[in-house]
Amino acid sequence: MAQSSVPYDVVIVGAGAAGVGFGVVLKELGLERFVILERHQVGASFSRWPEEMHLITPSFPSHGFGLLDLNAVTRQTSPAVAFRREHVNGQQYAEYLQRVASHFDLPVHTGIEVQRIEPLSGGGFAIHTDLGELRSRFVVWGRRGIMT
């Protein structure tokens, strides 16, 4: 197989639940040439929730009958177990995501603003950031909102 001219197989934009969860899957699949770009901190959008705001769907402290925790980003983890409560608040969920990213040693780079993504004529993508350009075969948009 020919060597790829792009340094990353996957660039994930956003380190919230989608970005962290996808990163864990890539790690478990043995993919090493990927990076997660986050403009703030892991789980930042959740950490800005008002303290009174909690996840609507309950996290279950035990996985009885083989059921998954709907708020978990991996099969092996649960915000309910981490915080011993069914309805975690945003700050707790952000901390849960930070713990998952750390535990799985995800390649998260914070403080990077993705400004533009463009397809390359030979395949792959150019990801333009405030710190320069990255190239990747695939891009996963895990950030809230629409890029303009």
N, C-alpha and C. Protein backbone atom coordinates (compact mmCIF):
# COMPACT_ATOMS: atom_id res chain seq x y z
N MET A 1 0.85 -1.19 0.00
CA MET A 1 0.00 0.00 0.00
C MET A 1 0.89 1.24 0.00
N ALA A 2 0.54 2.21 -0.81
CA ALA A 2 1.31 3.46 -0.90
C ALA A 2 1.17 4.26 0.38
N GLN A 3 2.23 4.95 0.73
CA GLN A 3 2.23 5.80 1.92
C GLN A 3 1.33 7.02 1.67
N SER A 4 0.51 7.36 2.65
CA SER A 4 -0.39 8.50 2.52
C SER A 4 0.39 9.80 2.57
N SER A 5 -0.04 10.77 1.77
CA SER A 5 0.62 12.07 1.78
C SER A 5 0.05 12.98 2.86
N VAL A 6 -0.94 12.49 3.60
CA VAL A 6 -1.52 13.29 4.68
C VAL A 6 -1.09 12.69 6.02
N PRO A 7 -0.70 13.54 6.98
CA PRO A 7 -0.16 13.03 8.23
C PRO A 7 -1.19 12.36 9.14
N TYR A 8 -2.46 12.69 9.01
CA TYR A 8 -3.48 12.08 9.87
C TYR A 8 -4.45 11.26 9.05
N ASP A 9 -4.91 10.18 9.63
CA ASP A 9 -6.00 9.43 9.02
C ASP A 9 -7.32 10.13 9.33
N VAL A 10 -7.46 10.61 10.59
CA VAL A 10 -8.69 11.26 11.02
C VAL A 10 -8.36 12.48 11.87
N VAL A 11 -9.04 13.58 11.60
CA VAL A 11 -9.03 14.75 12.48
C VAL A 11 -10.45 14.90 13.00
N ILE A 12 -10.60 14.90 14.32
CA ILE A 12 -11.89 15.09 14.97
C ILE A 12 -11.94 16.53 15.46
N VAL A 13 -12.98 17.24 15.09
CA VAL A 13 -13.14 18.63 15.52
C VAL A 13 -14.16 18.65 16.65
N GLY A 14 -13.69 18.98 17.85
CA GLY A 14 -14.55 19.05 19.03
C GLY A 14 -14.27 17.93 20.00
N ALA A 15 -14.12 18.29 21.28
CA ALA A 15 -13.84 17.31 22.33
C ALA A 15 -14.97 17.27 23.34
N GLY A 16 -16.20 17.21 22.80
CA GLY A 16 -17.37 16.97 23.65
C GLY A 16 -17.66 15.48 23.64
N ALA A 17 -18.90 15.11 23.89
CA ALA A 17 -19.27 13.70 23.96
C ALA A 17 -18.99 12.97 22.64
N ALA A 18 -19.37 13.58 21.52
CA ALA A 18 -19.17 12.93 20.22
C ALA A 18 -17.69 12.77 19.90
N GLY A 19 -16.92 13.82 20.08
CA GLY A 19 -15.49 13.77 19.77
C GLY A 19 -14.72 12.80 20.65
N VAL A 20 -14.98 12.84 21.95
CA VAL A 20 -14.30 11.94 22.88
C VAL A 20 -14.72 10.50 22.61
N GLY A 21 -16.01 10.27 22.44
CA GLY A 21 -16.49 8.92 22.16
C GLY A 21 -15.91 8.34 20.88
N PHE A 22 -15.87 9.15 19.83
CA PHE A 22 -15.31 8.70 18.56
C PHE A 22 -13.81 8.42 18.71
N GLY A 23 -13.13 9.26 19.49
CA GLY A 23 -11.71 9.05 19.73
C GLY A 23 -11.43 7.73 20.43
N VAL A 24 -12.27 7.39 21.40
CA VAL A 24 -12.11 6.11 22.09
C VAL A 24 -12.28 4.95 21.11
N VAL A 25 -13.28 5.03 20.24
CA VAL A 25 -13.50 3.97 19.25
C VAL A 25 -12.27 3.83 18.35
N LEU A 26 -11.71 4.94 17.89
CA LEU A 26 -10.52 4.87 17.04
C LEU A 26 -9.35 4.23 17.78
N LYS A 27 -9.18 4.58 19.05
CA LYS A 27 -8.12 3.97 19.87
C LYS A 27 -8.34 2.47 19.98
N GLU A 28 -9.57 2.07 20.28
CA GLU A 28 -9.87 0.65 20.43
C GLU A 28 -9.66 -0.12 19.13
N LEU A 29 -9.84 0.55 18.00
CA LEU A 29 -9.60 -0.08 16.69
C LEU A 29 -8.11 -0.11 16.33
N GLY A 30 -7.28 0.52 17.16
CA GLY A 30 -5.84 0.51 16.92
C GLY A 30 -5.34 1.62 16.01
N LEU A 31 -6.20 2.58 15.68
CA LEU A 31 -5.78 3.68 14.83
C LEU A 31 -4.95 4.66 15.66
N GLU A 32 -3.79 5.01 15.16
CA GLU A 32 -2.91 5.90 15.91
C GLU A 32 -2.75 7.27 15.28
N ARG A 33 -3.01 7.38 13.98
CA ARG A 33 -2.80 8.67 13.30
C ARG A 33 -4.09 9.48 13.29
N PHE A 34 -4.49 9.91 14.49
CA PHE A 34 -5.65 10.80 14.59
C PHE A 34 -5.40 11.81 15.67
N VAL A 35 -6.17 12.89 15.62
CA VAL A 35 -6.04 13.97 16.60
C VAL A 35 -7.43 14.56 16.84
N ILE A 36 -7.64 15.06 18.05
CA ILE A 36 -8.88 15.75 18.40
C ILE A 36 -8.53 17.21 18.65
N LEU A 37 -9.17 18.10 17.92
CA LEU A 37 -8.92 19.54 18.06
C LEU A 37 -10.08 20.16 18.83
N GLU A 38 -9.75 20.94 19.85
CA GLU A 38 -10.78 21.58 20.69
C GLU A 38 -10.37 23.02 20.93
N ARG A 39 -11.28 23.94 20.72
CA ARG A 39 -10.93 25.35 20.90
C ARG A 39 -10.89 25.77 22.36
N HIS A 40 -11.59 25.03 23.24
CA HIS A 40 -11.55 25.36 24.67
C HIS A 40 -10.92 24.19 25.43
N GLN A 41 -11.68 23.56 26.30
CA GLN A 41 -11.23 22.39 27.07
C GLN A 41 -12.14 21.22 26.74
N VAL A 42 -11.73 20.03 27.10
CA VAL A 42 -12.59 18.86 26.91
C VAL A 42 -13.90 19.09 27.66
N GLY A 43 -15.02 18.91 26.97
CA GLY A 43 -16.33 19.06 27.59
C GLY A 43 -16.73 20.49 27.91
N ALA A 44 -16.11 21.46 27.27
CA ALA A 44 -16.32 22.87 27.62
C ALA A 44 -17.77 23.31 27.53
N SER A 45 -18.50 22.85 26.52
CA SER A 45 -19.89 23.31 26.40
C SER A 45 -20.72 22.82 27.58
N PHE A 46 -20.42 21.64 28.11
CA PHE A 46 -21.15 21.14 29.29
C PHE A 46 -20.77 21.91 30.55
N SER A 47 -19.51 22.29 30.67
CA SER A 47 -19.07 23.00 31.87
C SER A 47 -19.68 24.38 31.98
N ARG A 48 -20.22 24.90 30.88
CA ARG A 48 -20.85 26.23 30.91
C ARG A 48 -22.34 26.16 31.25
N TRP A 49 -22.87 24.96 31.43
CA TRP A 49 -24.28 24.85 31.82
C TRP A 49 -24.49 25.47 33.20
N PRO A 50 -25.66 26.04 33.46
CA PRO A 50 -25.97 26.49 34.82
C PRO A 50 -25.94 25.29 35.77
N GLU A 51 -25.57 25.51 37.01
CA GLU A 51 -25.42 24.42 37.98
C GLU A 51 -26.71 23.61 38.15
N GLU A 52 -27.85 24.28 37.99
CA GLU A 52 -29.15 23.60 38.18
C GLU A 52 -29.50 22.68 37.01
N MET A 53 -28.83 22.84 35.89
CA MET A 53 -29.15 22.07 34.69
C MET A 53 -28.49 20.69 34.75
N HIS A 54 -29.28 19.65 34.50
CA HIS A 54 -28.78 18.28 34.55
C HIS A 54 -29.16 17.54 33.27
N LEU A 55 -28.49 16.44 33.00
CA LEU A 55 -28.87 15.60 31.87
C LEU A 55 -30.26 15.05 32.13
N ILE A 56 -31.11 15.04 31.11
CA ILE A 56 -32.48 14.57 31.26
C ILE A 56 -32.52 13.05 31.39
N THR A 57 -31.78 12.37 30.51
CA THR A 57 -31.78 10.91 30.58
C THR A 57 -30.94 10.47 31.77
N PRO A 58 -31.46 9.54 32.56
CA PRO A 58 -30.70 9.11 33.74
C PRO A 58 -29.53 8.23 33.35
N SER A 59 -28.45 8.37 34.09
CA SER A 59 -27.35 7.42 34.02
C SER A 59 -27.65 6.39 35.10
N PHE A 60 -27.43 5.15 34.81
CA PHE A 60 -27.75 4.10 35.77
C PHE A 60 -26.49 3.63 36.46
N PRO A 61 -26.50 3.61 37.80
CA PRO A 61 -25.30 3.23 38.55
C PRO A 61 -24.87 1.79 38.31
N SER A 62 -25.74 0.97 37.76
CA SER A 62 -25.33 -0.40 37.44
C SER A 62 -25.89 -0.74 36.06
N HIS A 63 -25.18 -1.58 35.38
CA HIS A 63 -25.60 -1.98 34.04
C HIS A 63 -26.39 -3.28 34.15
N GLY A 64 -27.48 -3.27 34.86
CA GLY A 64 -28.29 -4.46 35.03
C GLY A 64 -28.82 -4.97 33.70
N PHE A 65 -28.89 -6.24 33.56
CA PHE A 65 -29.41 -6.89 32.36
C PHE A 65 -28.63 -6.51 31.10
N GLY A 66 -27.38 -6.09 31.26
CA GLY A 66 -26.56 -5.76 30.11
C GLY A 66 -26.93 -4.47 29.41
N LEU A 67 -27.74 -3.64 30.05
CA LEU A 67 -28.15 -2.37 29.43
C LEU A 67 -27.02 -1.36 29.48
N LEU A 68 -26.94 -0.52 28.47
CA LEU A 68 -25.92 0.52 28.42
C LEU A 68 -26.41 1.79 29.08
N ASP A 69 -25.48 2.54 29.62
CA ASP A 69 -25.78 3.86 30.15
C ASP A 69 -25.87 4.80 28.94
N LEU A 70 -27.03 5.39 28.71
CA LEU A 70 -27.23 6.23 27.53
C LEU A 70 -26.36 7.49 27.51
N ASN A 71 -25.85 7.89 28.67
CA ASN A 71 -25.01 9.08 28.74
C ASN A 71 -23.52 8.76 28.63
N ALA A 72 -23.18 7.49 28.61
CA ALA A 72 -21.78 7.07 28.53
C ALA A 72 -21.27 7.23 27.10
N VAL A 73 -19.99 7.55 26.96
CA VAL A 73 -19.38 7.64 25.64
C VAL A 73 -18.56 6.39 25.32
N THR A 74 -18.46 5.47 26.27
CA THR A 74 -17.82 4.18 26.03
C THR A 74 -18.64 3.11 26.74
N ARG A 75 -18.48 1.88 26.31
CA ARG A 75 -19.19 0.77 26.95
C ARG A 75 -18.65 0.50 28.35
N GLN A 76 -17.40 0.88 28.59
CA GLN A 76 -16.74 0.55 29.86
C GLN A 76 -16.91 1.61 30.94
N THR A 77 -17.49 2.75 30.62
CA THR A 77 -17.57 3.85 31.59
C THR A 77 -19.01 4.29 31.79
N SER A 78 -19.22 5.04 32.87
CA SER A 78 -20.54 5.57 33.16
C SER A 78 -20.41 6.81 34.04
N PRO A 79 -21.06 7.91 33.65
CA PRO A 79 -21.04 9.08 34.53
C PRO A 79 -21.72 8.79 35.87
N ALA A 80 -22.69 7.88 35.86
CA ALA A 80 -23.39 7.53 37.10
C ALA A 80 -22.45 6.89 38.10
N VAL A 81 -21.61 6.00 37.62
CA VAL A 81 -20.66 5.33 38.51
C VAL A 81 -19.63 6.34 38.99
N ALA A 82 -19.15 7.20 38.09
CA ALA A 82 -18.13 8.18 38.46
C ALA A 82 -18.62 9.15 39.53
N PHE A 83 -19.90 9.53 39.47
CA PHE A 83 -20.41 10.56 40.40
C PHE A 83 -21.50 10.06 41.34
N ARG A 84 -21.82 8.78 41.24
CA ARG A 84 -22.82 8.15 42.12
C ARG A 84 -24.16 8.91 42.12
N ARG A 85 -24.61 9.24 40.91
CA ARG A 85 -25.92 9.89 40.77
C ARG A 85 -26.45 9.65 39.37
N GLU A 86 -27.77 9.62 39.27
CA GLU A 86 -28.41 9.32 37.98
C GLU A 86 -28.40 10.49 37.02
N HIS A 87 -28.64 11.70 37.50
CA HIS A 87 -28.74 12.87 36.63
C HIS A 87 -27.57 13.82 36.95
N VAL A 88 -26.47 13.65 36.22
CA VAL A 88 -25.31 14.50 36.47
C VAL A 88 -25.54 15.89 35.87
N ASN A 89 -24.87 16.89 36.45
CA ASN A 89 -24.97 18.24 35.89
C ASN A 89 -23.87 18.43 34.83
N GLY A 90 -23.86 19.57 34.19
CA GLY A 90 -22.92 19.82 33.11
C GLY A 90 -21.47 19.77 33.54
N GLN A 91 -21.16 20.34 34.69
CA GLN A 91 -19.78 20.33 35.18
C GLN A 91 -19.31 18.90 35.45
N GLN A 92 -20.17 18.09 36.02
CA GLN A 92 -19.82 16.69 36.27
C GLN A 92 -19.63 15.93 34.96
N TYR A 93 -20.50 16.20 33.98
CA TYR A 93 -20.37 15.51 32.70
C TYR A 93 -19.08 15.93 32.00
N ALA A 94 -18.73 17.20 32.08
CA ALA A 94 -17.47 17.68 31.50
C ALA A 94 -16.29 16.98 32.17
N GLU A 95 -16.36 16.83 33.49
CA GLU A 95 -15.29 16.13 34.22
C GLU A 95 -15.23 14.66 33.81
N TYR A 96 -16.38 14.04 33.62
CA TYR A 96 -16.43 12.67 33.14
C TYR A 96 -15.72 12.55 31.79
N LEU A 97 -16.02 13.46 30.86
CA LEU A 97 -15.38 13.43 29.55
C LEU A 97 -13.87 13.64 29.66
N GLN A 98 -13.45 14.52 30.56
CA GLN A 98 -12.02 14.74 30.77
C GLN A 98 -11.34 13.48 31.31
N ARG A 99 -12.01 12.79 32.23
CA ARG A 99 -11.48 11.54 32.77
C ARG A 99 -11.35 10.47 31.68
N VAL A 100 -12.37 10.37 30.84
CA VAL A 100 -12.34 9.38 29.75
C VAL A 100 -11.19 9.71 28.79
N ALA A 101 -11.06 10.97 28.40
CA ALA A 101 -9.99 11.37 27.48
C ALA A 101 -8.62 11.07 28.08
N SER A 102 -8.47 11.31 29.37
CA SER A 102 -7.20 11.04 30.04
C SER A 102 -6.95 9.54 30.17
N HIS A 103 -7.96 8.79 30.60
CA HIS A 103 -7.82 7.35 30.79
C HIS A 103 -7.41 6.64 29.49
N PHE A 104 -8.02 7.04 28.39
CA PHE A 104 -7.72 6.41 27.10
C PHE A 104 -6.57 7.09 26.38
N ASP A 105 -5.96 8.07 27.03
CA ASP A 105 -4.80 8.79 26.48
C ASP A 105 -5.09 9.30 25.06
N LEU A 106 -6.22 9.99 24.93
CA LEU A 106 -6.61 10.51 23.63
C LEU A 106 -5.74 11.71 23.24
N PRO A 107 -5.40 11.83 21.97
CA PRO A 107 -4.57 12.94 21.50
C PRO A 107 -5.39 14.23 21.32
N VAL A 108 -5.78 14.82 22.43
CA VAL A 108 -6.59 16.04 22.40
C VAL A 108 -5.67 17.25 22.45
N HIS A 109 -5.88 18.17 21.52
CA HIS A 109 -5.13 19.42 21.50
C HIS A 109 -6.12 20.56 21.72
N THR A 110 -5.96 21.26 22.83
CA THR A 110 -6.89 22.34 23.18
C THR A 110 -6.32 23.69 22.76
N GLY A 111 -7.21 24.68 22.72
CA GLY A 111 -6.81 26.03 22.35
C GLY A 111 -6.60 26.21 20.86
N ILE A 112 -7.20 25.32 20.07
CA ILE A 112 -7.05 25.40 18.61
C ILE A 112 -8.41 25.66 17.99
N GLU A 113 -8.51 26.72 17.23
CA GLU A 113 -9.75 27.11 16.57
C GLU A 113 -9.71 26.67 15.11
N VAL A 114 -10.62 25.78 14.73
CA VAL A 114 -10.73 25.38 13.33
C VAL A 114 -11.50 26.47 12.60
N GLN A 115 -10.86 27.02 11.58
CA GLN A 115 -11.45 28.14 10.85
C GLN A 115 -12.11 27.73 9.53
N ARG A 116 -11.55 26.71 8.90
CA ARG A 116 -12.07 26.32 7.58
C ARG A 116 -11.59 24.91 7.26
N ILE A 117 -12.42 24.16 6.57
CA ILE A 117 -12.05 22.82 6.10
C ILE A 117 -12.34 22.79 4.60
N GLU A 118 -11.37 22.31 3.84
CA GLU A 118 -11.60 22.22 2.40
C GLU A 118 -11.12 20.88 1.86
N PRO A 119 -11.86 20.33 0.90
CA PRO A 119 -11.43 19.07 0.29
C PRO A 119 -10.20 19.29 -0.58
N LEU A 120 -9.32 18.29 -0.61
CA LEU A 120 -8.13 18.36 -1.45
C LEU A 120 -8.39 17.62 -2.76
N SER A 121 -7.83 18.10 -3.83
CA SER A 121 -8.10 17.50 -5.15
C SER A 121 -7.67 16.04 -5.23
N GLY A 122 -6.63 15.66 -4.52
CA GLY A 122 -6.16 14.28 -4.55
C GLY A 122 -6.77 13.41 -3.48
N GLY A 123 -7.76 13.92 -2.77
CA GLY A 123 -8.39 13.18 -1.67
C GLY A 123 -7.94 13.73 -0.33
N GLY A 124 -8.76 13.56 0.64
CA GLY A 124 -8.46 14.08 1.97
C GLY A 124 -8.91 15.51 2.13
N PHE A 125 -8.49 16.11 3.22
CA PHE A 125 -8.94 17.45 3.58
C PHE A 125 -7.80 18.28 4.14
N ALA A 126 -7.90 19.59 3.92
CA ALA A 126 -7.03 20.56 4.57
C ALA A 126 -7.86 21.20 5.67
N ILE A 127 -7.35 21.15 6.90
CA ILE A 127 -8.03 21.73 8.05
C ILE A 127 -7.24 22.97 8.44
N HIS A 128 -7.83 24.14 8.22
CA HIS A 128 -7.15 25.40 8.52
C HIS A 128 -7.52 25.83 9.93
N THR A 129 -6.52 26.06 10.75
CA THR A 129 -6.74 26.48 12.14
C THR A 129 -6.03 27.81 12.37
N ASP A 130 -6.25 28.37 13.54
CA ASP A 130 -5.57 29.62 13.89
C ASP A 130 -4.07 29.40 14.10
N LEU A 131 -3.63 28.14 14.20
CA LEU A 131 -2.21 27.85 14.39
C LEU A 131 -1.55 27.26 13.15
N GLY A 132 -2.31 27.13 12.06
CA GLY A 132 -1.73 26.57 10.85
C GLY A 132 -2.67 25.57 10.20
N GLU A 133 -2.11 24.77 9.28
CA GLU A 133 -2.91 23.83 8.52
C GLU A 133 -2.54 22.39 8.84
N LEU A 134 -3.56 21.55 8.93
CA LEU A 134 -3.38 20.11 9.08
C LEU A 134 -3.99 19.44 7.86
N ARG A 135 -3.54 18.22 7.57
CA ARG A 135 -4.13 17.45 6.48
C ARG A 135 -4.53 16.09 7.01
N SER A 136 -5.66 15.61 6.50
CA SER A 136 -6.20 14.36 6.99
C SER A 136 -7.00 13.66 5.90
N ARG A 137 -7.03 12.33 5.98
CA ARG A 137 -7.85 11.57 5.03
C ARG A 137 -9.33 11.80 5.31
N PHE A 138 -9.71 11.87 6.60
CA PHE A 138 -11.10 12.04 7.00
C PHE A 138 -11.22 13.10 8.09
N VAL A 139 -12.38 13.73 8.16
CA VAL A 139 -12.69 14.71 9.21
C VAL A 139 -14.01 14.30 9.85
N VAL A 140 -14.04 14.31 11.18
CA VAL A 140 -15.28 14.06 11.93
C VAL A 140 -15.64 15.37 12.62
N TRP A 141 -16.84 15.85 12.33
CA TRP A 141 -17.32 17.10 12.95
C TRP A 141 -18.05 16.73 14.23
N GLY A 142 -17.39 16.92 15.36
CA GLY A 142 -17.97 16.61 16.65
C GLY A 142 -18.26 17.85 17.46
N ARG A 143 -18.34 18.97 16.80
CA ARG A 143 -18.55 20.24 17.48
C ARG A 143 -19.97 20.70 17.28
N ARG A 144 -20.48 21.35 18.28
CA ARG A 144 -21.84 21.89 18.23
C ARG A 144 -21.86 23.07 17.26
N GLY A 145 -22.93 23.18 16.52
CA GLY A 145 -23.09 24.34 15.65
C GLY A 145 -22.62 24.08 14.23
N ILE A 146 -22.76 25.09 13.42
CA ILE A 146 -22.42 25.01 12.01
C ILE A 146 -21.21 25.88 11.74
N MET A 147 -20.32 25.38 10.94
CA MET A 147 -19.13 26.14 10.59
C MET A 147 -19.47 27.09 9.45
N THR A 148 -19.12 28.35 9.59
CA THR A 148 -19.39 29.32 8.52
C THR A 148 -18.10 29.73 7.85
